[in-house]
Amino acid sequence: MKIVEEREAWIHTHFILDSFYVTDQERRQISISVEPELMQLGLQYGLTYNIAPSKHPAIIVLECIPFDSVKGVIKQLINDVIEDFPVRVPEQRNVVTSITVADRENSEPGNSEPSQKFS
């Protein structure tokens, strides 16, 4: 797993991942590894996660917008922690778009109405 993009949104920095989900255990590992380093850098703001399983990539949110040099250090810290995490893609689901019911016993050419038997 890795950070593929970063965006600033109002008073937050969003680190967008190449994965669509981050587990609770992985979130704890990220927080345990990165948040003490944030304090060492003088940042009193932590990380939150936007990780609802969906068709959108997971986002690690830094609750501030640091200077670019500090942001680069934080991005590298997060990438170092998540590099061995597996990338999760959205589930592929089959969608039923139509159903055709036919009864082989009673179907005749030209009969557009299938017969149905109920017991």
N, C-alpha and C. Protein backbone atom coordinates (compact mmCIF):
# COMPACT_ATOMS: atom_id res chain seq x y z
N MET A 1 0.85 -1.16 0.00
CA MET A 1 0.00 0.00 0.00
C MET A 1 0.90 1.24 0.00
N LYS A 2 0.42 2.32 -0.62
CA LYS A 2 1.20 3.55 -0.62
C LYS A 2 0.28 4.75 -0.84
N ILE A 3 0.82 5.92 -0.55
CA ILE A 3 0.10 7.17 -0.81
C ILE A 3 0.28 7.50 -2.29
N VAL A 4 -0.83 7.74 -2.98
CA VAL A 4 -0.75 8.05 -4.41
C VAL A 4 -1.03 9.52 -4.70
N GLU A 5 -1.60 10.22 -3.73
CA GLU A 5 -1.92 11.63 -3.95
C GLU A 5 -2.12 12.30 -2.60
N GLU A 6 -1.86 13.59 -2.55
CA GLU A 6 -2.18 14.35 -1.34
C GLU A 6 -2.95 15.60 -1.76
N ARG A 7 -3.91 15.97 -0.91
CA ARG A 7 -4.74 17.14 -1.18
C ARG A 7 -4.91 17.93 0.10
N GLU A 8 -5.01 19.23 -0.05
CA GLU A 8 -5.34 20.07 1.09
C GLU A 8 -6.82 20.38 1.00
N ALA A 9 -7.53 20.21 2.11
CA ALA A 9 -8.95 20.46 2.16
C ALA A 9 -9.26 21.27 3.41
N TRP A 10 -9.52 22.54 3.22
CA TRP A 10 -9.81 23.50 4.27
C TRP A 10 -8.68 23.51 5.30
N ILE A 11 -8.82 22.81 6.43
CA ILE A 11 -7.74 22.82 7.42
C ILE A 11 -7.13 21.43 7.61
N HIS A 12 -7.29 20.57 6.62
CA HIS A 12 -6.77 19.21 6.71
C HIS A 12 -5.89 18.88 5.52
N THR A 13 -5.03 17.89 5.71
CA THR A 13 -4.25 17.33 4.62
C THR A 13 -4.72 15.91 4.40
N HIS A 14 -5.14 15.59 3.18
CA HIS A 14 -5.61 14.26 2.85
C HIS A 14 -4.54 13.50 2.09
N PHE A 15 -4.16 12.34 2.63
CA PHE A 15 -3.24 11.45 1.96
C PHE A 15 -4.08 10.31 1.37
N ILE A 16 -4.23 10.30 0.05
CA ILE A 16 -5.08 9.33 -0.63
C ILE A 16 -4.25 8.08 -0.94
N LEU A 17 -4.79 6.93 -0.58
CA LEU A 17 -4.07 5.66 -0.72
C LEU A 17 -4.45 4.94 -2.01
N ASP A 18 -3.66 3.95 -2.36
CA ASP A 18 -3.97 3.12 -3.52
C ASP A 18 -4.83 1.93 -3.12
N SER A 19 -5.31 1.92 -1.88
CA SER A 19 -6.17 0.85 -1.38
C SER A 19 -7.54 1.43 -1.07
N PHE A 20 -8.56 0.58 -1.08
CA PHE A 20 -9.91 1.04 -0.85
C PHE A 20 -10.38 0.75 0.57
N TYR A 21 -9.52 0.15 1.39
CA TYR A 21 -9.88 -0.14 2.77
C TYR A 21 -8.62 -0.32 3.60
N VAL A 22 -8.67 0.17 4.84
CA VAL A 22 -7.59 -0.01 5.81
C VAL A 22 -8.24 -0.63 7.05
N THR A 23 -7.71 -1.73 7.53
CA THR A 23 -8.31 -2.42 8.68
C THR A 23 -8.07 -1.65 9.97
N ASP A 24 -8.82 -2.01 11.01
CA ASP A 24 -8.64 -1.39 12.33
C ASP A 24 -7.22 -1.60 12.84
N GLN A 25 -6.71 -2.80 12.67
CA GLN A 25 -5.36 -3.10 13.14
C GLN A 25 -4.32 -2.25 12.39
N GLU A 26 -4.51 -2.08 11.09
CA GLU A 26 -3.58 -1.24 10.31
C GLU A 26 -3.68 0.22 10.74
N ARG A 27 -4.89 0.70 11.03
CA ARG A 27 -5.05 2.08 11.50
C ARG A 27 -4.32 2.28 12.83
N ARG A 28 -4.46 1.31 13.73
CA ARG A 28 -3.75 1.42 15.01
C ARG A 28 -2.25 1.45 14.79
N GLN A 29 -1.75 0.60 13.89
CA GLN A 29 -0.31 0.57 13.63
C GLN A 29 0.18 1.90 13.06
N ILE A 30 -0.59 2.48 12.16
CA ILE A 30 -0.23 3.79 11.59
C ILE A 30 -0.19 4.83 12.70
N SER A 31 -1.23 4.89 13.52
CA SER A 31 -1.29 5.88 14.59
C SER A 31 -0.15 5.71 15.59
N ILE A 32 0.11 4.46 16.00
CA ILE A 32 1.18 4.20 16.96
C ILE A 32 2.54 4.62 16.41
N SER A 33 2.75 4.40 15.13
CA SER A 33 4.05 4.70 14.52
C SER A 33 4.22 6.16 14.14
N VAL A 34 3.15 6.81 13.70
CA VAL A 34 3.28 8.16 13.14
C VAL A 34 3.00 9.27 14.15
N GLU A 35 2.00 9.10 15.02
CA GLU A 35 1.61 10.20 15.89
C GLU A 35 2.71 10.67 16.85
N PRO A 36 3.55 9.79 17.43
CA PRO A 36 4.66 10.30 18.25
C PRO A 36 5.63 11.16 17.43
N GLU A 37 5.82 10.79 16.17
CA GLU A 37 6.70 11.57 15.30
C GLU A 37 6.08 12.94 14.99
N LEU A 38 4.74 12.99 14.89
CA LEU A 38 4.08 14.28 14.67
C LEU A 38 4.36 15.22 15.83
N MET A 39 4.31 14.68 17.05
CA MET A 39 4.59 15.50 18.23
C MET A 39 6.04 15.98 18.22
N GLN A 40 6.96 15.11 17.79
CA GLN A 40 8.37 15.51 17.69
C GLN A 40 8.55 16.65 16.68
N LEU A 41 7.69 16.66 15.66
CA LEU A 41 7.76 17.72 14.65
C LEU A 41 7.03 18.99 15.10
N GLY A 42 6.44 18.95 16.29
CA GLY A 42 5.74 20.11 16.82
C GLY A 42 4.27 20.18 16.45
N LEU A 43 3.72 19.10 15.90
CA LEU A 43 2.30 19.09 15.52
C LEU A 43 1.49 18.42 16.63
N GLN A 44 0.48 19.09 17.11
CA GLN A 44 -0.36 18.55 18.16
C GLN A 44 -1.64 17.94 17.61
N TYR A 45 -1.69 17.76 16.30
CA TYR A 45 -2.89 17.23 15.66
C TYR A 45 -2.62 15.81 15.19
N GLY A 46 -3.63 14.97 15.29
CA GLY A 46 -3.45 13.58 14.94
C GLY A 46 -4.00 13.22 13.58
N LEU A 47 -4.17 11.93 13.39
CA LEU A 47 -4.66 11.37 12.14
C LEU A 47 -6.07 10.84 12.34
N THR A 48 -6.89 10.98 11.32
CA THR A 48 -8.18 10.31 11.26
C THR A 48 -8.23 9.59 9.92
N TYR A 49 -9.27 8.79 9.72
CA TYR A 49 -9.32 7.94 8.54
C TYR A 49 -10.68 8.03 7.88
N ASN A 50 -10.68 8.11 6.57
CA ASN A 50 -11.90 8.05 5.78
C ASN A 50 -11.79 6.75 4.99
N ILE A 51 -12.34 5.67 5.54
CA ILE A 51 -12.05 4.36 5.00
C ILE A 51 -13.27 3.51 4.72
N ALA A 52 -14.43 4.12 4.54
CA ALA A 52 -15.62 3.32 4.26
C ALA A 52 -15.39 2.49 3.00
N PRO A 53 -15.65 1.17 3.07
CA PRO A 53 -15.48 0.35 1.87
C PRO A 53 -16.41 0.86 0.76
N SER A 54 -15.84 1.26 -0.31
CA SER A 54 -16.64 1.85 -1.39
C SER A 54 -15.83 1.81 -2.68
N LYS A 55 -16.28 2.58 -3.63
CA LYS A 55 -15.56 2.67 -4.90
C LYS A 55 -14.56 3.83 -4.88
N HIS A 56 -14.30 4.38 -3.68
CA HIS A 56 -13.36 5.48 -3.54
C HIS A 56 -12.18 5.03 -2.69
N PRO A 57 -10.98 5.49 -3.00
CA PRO A 57 -9.81 5.09 -2.22
C PRO A 57 -9.89 5.56 -0.77
N ALA A 58 -9.21 4.83 0.11
CA ALA A 58 -9.13 5.20 1.52
C ALA A 58 -8.27 6.46 1.64
N ILE A 59 -8.55 7.25 2.69
CA ILE A 59 -7.84 8.50 2.91
C ILE A 59 -7.38 8.56 4.36
N ILE A 60 -6.11 8.89 4.55
CA ILE A 60 -5.59 9.20 5.88
C ILE A 60 -5.60 10.72 5.98
N VAL A 61 -6.26 11.23 7.01
CA VAL A 61 -6.44 12.67 7.15
C VAL A 61 -5.57 13.18 8.29
N LEU A 62 -4.69 14.11 7.97
CA LEU A 62 -3.91 14.82 8.97
C LEU A 62 -4.73 16.06 9.33
N GLU A 63 -4.98 16.26 10.61
CA GLU A 63 -5.90 17.30 11.06
C GLU A 63 -5.29 18.70 11.03
N CYS A 64 -4.38 18.94 10.11
CA CYS A 64 -3.80 20.27 9.91
C CYS A 64 -3.13 20.32 8.54
N ILE A 65 -2.66 21.50 8.17
CA ILE A 65 -1.88 21.64 6.94
C ILE A 65 -0.50 22.17 7.34
N PRO A 66 0.49 21.29 7.42
CA PRO A 66 1.84 21.73 7.81
C PRO A 66 2.58 22.36 6.62
N PHE A 67 3.72 22.95 6.92
CA PHE A 67 4.57 23.47 5.85
C PHE A 67 4.97 22.31 4.93
N ASP A 68 5.29 22.62 3.68
CA ASP A 68 5.59 21.59 2.69
C ASP A 68 6.72 20.65 3.12
N SER A 69 7.76 21.20 3.74
CA SER A 69 8.88 20.33 4.15
C SER A 69 8.44 19.33 5.22
N VAL A 70 7.60 19.77 6.15
CA VAL A 70 7.10 18.88 7.20
C VAL A 70 6.11 17.88 6.60
N LYS A 71 5.30 18.34 5.65
CA LYS A 71 4.33 17.46 5.00
C LYS A 71 5.05 16.32 4.28
N GLY A 72 6.17 16.62 3.66
CA GLY A 72 6.96 15.59 2.99
C GLY A 72 7.49 14.55 3.96
N VAL A 73 7.92 14.98 5.14
CA VAL A 73 8.40 14.06 6.17
C VAL A 73 7.26 13.16 6.65
N ILE A 74 6.08 13.75 6.87
CA ILE A 74 4.92 12.98 7.33
C ILE A 74 4.50 11.97 6.27
N LYS A 75 4.47 12.39 5.02
CA LYS A 75 4.12 11.48 3.94
C LYS A 75 5.07 10.29 3.90
N GLN A 76 6.36 10.54 4.07
CA GLN A 76 7.35 9.46 4.06
C GLN A 76 7.17 8.54 5.27
N LEU A 77 6.86 9.12 6.44
CA LEU A 77 6.60 8.31 7.64
C LEU A 77 5.43 7.35 7.41
N ILE A 78 4.35 7.89 6.87
CA ILE A 78 3.17 7.05 6.61
C ILE A 78 3.49 5.98 5.58
N ASN A 79 4.16 6.37 4.50
CA ASN A 79 4.52 5.39 3.46
C ASN A 79 5.40 4.28 4.02
N ASP A 80 6.31 4.62 4.92
CA ASP A 80 7.18 3.60 5.53
C ASP A 80 6.37 2.59 6.34
N VAL A 81 5.32 3.07 7.02
CA VAL A 81 4.50 2.18 7.84
C VAL A 81 3.61 1.30 6.97
N ILE A 82 3.03 1.85 5.91
CA ILE A 82 2.02 1.12 5.14
C ILE A 82 2.56 0.34 3.96
N GLU A 83 3.87 0.41 3.71
CA GLU A 83 4.41 -0.23 2.50
C GLU A 83 4.17 -1.73 2.43
N ASP A 84 4.07 -2.41 3.57
CA ASP A 84 3.85 -3.85 3.57
C ASP A 84 2.38 -4.24 3.73
N PHE A 85 1.50 -3.25 3.88
CA PHE A 85 0.07 -3.54 3.99
C PHE A 85 -0.46 -3.94 2.62
N PRO A 86 -1.39 -4.90 2.55
CA PRO A 86 -1.93 -5.30 1.25
C PRO A 86 -2.88 -4.24 0.68
N VAL A 87 -2.87 -4.12 -0.62
CA VAL A 87 -3.80 -3.22 -1.31
C VAL A 87 -5.12 -3.95 -1.47
N ARG A 88 -6.20 -3.29 -1.09
CA ARG A 88 -7.53 -3.89 -1.21
C ARG A 88 -8.33 -3.11 -2.24
N VAL A 89 -8.88 -3.83 -3.20
CA VAL A 89 -9.69 -3.20 -4.24
C VAL A 89 -11.16 -3.48 -3.95
N PRO A 90 -12.07 -2.68 -4.52
CA PRO A 90 -13.49 -2.93 -4.27
C PRO A 90 -13.90 -4.31 -4.78
N GLU A 91 -14.88 -4.89 -4.10
CA GLU A 91 -15.39 -6.18 -4.53
C GLU A 91 -16.10 -6.03 -5.86
N GLN A 92 -15.88 -6.98 -6.74
CA GLN A 92 -16.62 -7.01 -8.00
C GLN A 92 -17.90 -7.78 -7.74
N ARG A 93 -19.02 -7.17 -8.03
CA ARG A 93 -20.30 -7.82 -7.79
C ARG A 93 -21.06 -7.97 -9.08
N ASN A 94 -21.74 -9.10 -9.21
CA ASN A 94 -22.61 -9.31 -10.36
C ASN A 94 -23.94 -8.63 -10.09
N VAL A 95 -24.46 -7.95 -11.08
CA VAL A 95 -25.73 -7.25 -10.95
C VAL A 95 -26.72 -7.88 -11.91
N VAL A 96 -27.88 -8.28 -11.39
CA VAL A 96 -28.93 -8.86 -12.23
C VAL A 96 -29.69 -7.72 -12.87
N THR A 97 -29.75 -7.72 -14.19
CA THR A 97 -30.46 -6.65 -14.90
C THR A 97 -31.78 -7.10 -15.47
N SER A 98 -31.96 -8.38 -15.72
CA SER A 98 -33.25 -8.88 -16.18
C SER A 98 -33.34 -10.37 -15.89
N ILE A 99 -34.58 -10.81 -15.75
CA ILE A 99 -34.85 -12.22 -15.49
C ILE A 99 -35.89 -12.68 -16.50
N THR A 100 -35.65 -13.82 -17.14
CA THR A 100 -36.60 -14.40 -18.08
C THR A 100 -37.00 -15.76 -17.53
N VAL A 101 -38.32 -15.98 -17.44
CA VAL A 101 -38.84 -17.24 -16.95
C VAL A 101 -39.52 -17.95 -18.10
N ALA A 102 -39.15 -19.19 -18.34
CA ALA A 102 -39.77 -19.97 -19.40
C ALA A 102 -40.05 -21.37 -18.87
N ASP A 103 -41.16 -21.90 -19.27
CA ASP A 103 -41.54 -23.26 -18.90
C ASP A 103 -41.39 -24.11 -20.16
N ARG A 104 -40.44 -25.01 -20.18
CA ARG A 104 -40.16 -25.79 -21.39
C ARG A 104 -41.34 -26.67 -21.80
N GLU A 105 -42.08 -27.18 -20.83
CA GLU A 105 -43.18 -28.10 -21.15
C GLU A 105 -44.30 -27.42 -21.92
N ASN A 106 -44.61 -26.20 -21.56
CA ASN A 106 -45.78 -25.54 -22.14
C ASN A 106 -45.43 -24.44 -23.13
N SER A 107 -44.17 -24.28 -23.44
CA SER A 107 -43.83 -23.19 -24.35
C SER A 107 -44.10 -23.63 -25.80
N GLU A 108 -44.81 -22.79 -26.50
CA GLU A 108 -45.13 -23.05 -27.90
C GLU A 108 -44.66 -21.86 -28.71
N PRO A 109 -44.28 -22.09 -29.96
CA PRO A 109 -43.89 -20.96 -30.79
C PRO A 109 -45.02 -19.95 -30.88
N GLY A 110 -44.70 -18.68 -30.72
CA GLY A 110 -45.70 -17.62 -30.81
C GLY A 110 -46.36 -17.32 -29.48
N ASN A 111 -46.14 -18.12 -28.46
CA ASN A 111 -46.73 -17.87 -27.15
C ASN A 111 -45.77 -16.99 -26.37
N SER A 112 -46.12 -15.72 -26.18
CA SER A 112 -45.22 -14.79 -25.50
C SER A 112 -45.38 -14.83 -23.99
N GLU A 113 -46.46 -15.45 -23.53
CA GLU A 113 -46.71 -15.54 -22.10
C GLU A 113 -46.19 -16.88 -21.57
N PRO A 114 -45.16 -16.90 -20.71
CA PRO A 114 -44.73 -18.18 -20.16
C PRO A 114 -45.75 -18.67 -19.16
N SER A 115 -45.98 -19.97 -19.14
CA SER A 115 -46.91 -20.52 -18.14
C SER A 115 -46.15 -20.75 -16.85
N GLN A 116 -46.82 -20.55 -15.75
CA GLN A 116 -46.18 -20.73 -14.45
C GLN A 116 -46.97 -21.75 -13.67
N LYS A 117 -46.28 -22.63 -12.97
CA LYS A 117 -46.92 -23.63 -12.14
C LYS A 117 -46.58 -23.32 -10.70
N PHE A 118 -47.57 -23.26 -9.87
CA PHE A 118 -47.37 -23.04 -8.45
C PHE A 118 -47.93 -24.23 -7.70
N SER A 119 -47.19 -24.72 -6.74
CA SER A 119 -47.67 -25.87 -5.96
C SER A 119 -48.13 -25.40 -4.60
